Amino acid sequence: TPDIDYFVFGHRHILLDFPLNGKSRVINIGDWIQYFSYGVFDGKEMKLERFQ
């Protein structure tokens, strides 16, 4: 996956940020009901956040 930085998924209700190699990551945004989680992409980096 040399050209892909992020694989982002939802609907699995699993909060996950898993590195695949030195560049690519699998991100599952979890769910709003149990984890209050969501993903944020700022144009450079994808990260998981939790509403407090």
Protein backbone atom coordinates (compact mmCIF):
# COMPACT_ATOMS: atom_id res chain seq x y z
CA THR A 1 0.00 0.00 0.00
CA PRO A 2 2.68 2.54 -0.90
CA ASP A 3 0.23 5.18 -2.18
CA ILE A 4 -2.44 4.87 0.53
CA ASP A 5 -2.02 6.59 3.88
CA TYR A 6 -5.34 5.70 5.56
CA PHE A 7 -8.02 3.03 5.28
CA VAL A 8 -10.97 4.53 7.20
CA PHE A 9 -14.03 2.47 8.15
CA GLY A 10 -17.18 2.89 10.19
CA HIS A 11 -20.23 0.78 11.15
CA ARG A 12 -18.14 -1.86 12.95
CA HIS A 13 -18.44 -0.16 16.36
CA ILE A 14 -14.76 -0.85 17.06
CA LEU A 15 -12.40 1.98 17.97
CA LEU A 16 -9.14 1.17 16.14
CA ASP A 17 -6.02 2.93 14.85
CA PHE A 18 -3.70 0.19 13.57
CA PRO A 19 -0.42 0.77 11.71
CA LEU A 20 0.00 -1.49 8.68
CA ASN A 21 3.55 -0.47 7.82
CA GLY A 22 5.70 2.63 8.09
CA LYS A 23 3.11 4.77 6.28
CA SER A 24 -0.38 3.20 6.04
CA ARG A 25 -2.90 2.87 8.89
CA VAL A 26 -6.30 1.22 9.31
CA ILE A 27 -8.69 3.48 11.22
CA ASN A 28 -12.12 2.43 12.42
CA ILE A 29 -13.97 5.40 13.89
CA GLY A 30 -15.82 3.40 16.57
CA ASP A 31 -19.28 4.73 17.34
CA TRP A 32 -20.92 7.81 18.72
CA ILE A 33 -23.20 6.03 21.22
CA GLN A 34 -20.65 3.98 23.19
CA TYR A 35 -17.27 5.69 22.57
CA PHE A 36 -18.34 9.22 21.53
CA SER A 37 -15.64 8.85 18.87
CA TYR A 38 -15.14 10.45 15.48
CA GLY A 39 -12.38 10.93 12.92
CA VAL A 40 -10.71 14.21 11.98
CA PHE A 41 -8.65 14.78 8.84
CA ASP A 42 -6.85 18.13 8.73
CA GLY A 43 -5.57 17.75 5.17
CA LYS A 44 -2.36 16.07 6.32
CA GLU A 45 -3.15 13.72 9.19
CA MET A 46 -6.10 11.53 10.20
CA LYS A 47 -6.73 11.03 13.90
CA LEU A 48 -9.40 9.72 16.21
CA GLU A 49 -11.03 12.05 18.69
CA ARG A 50 -13.50 11.46 21.51
CA PHE A 51 -16.16 13.95 22.51
CA GLN A 52 -15.83 14.87 26.19
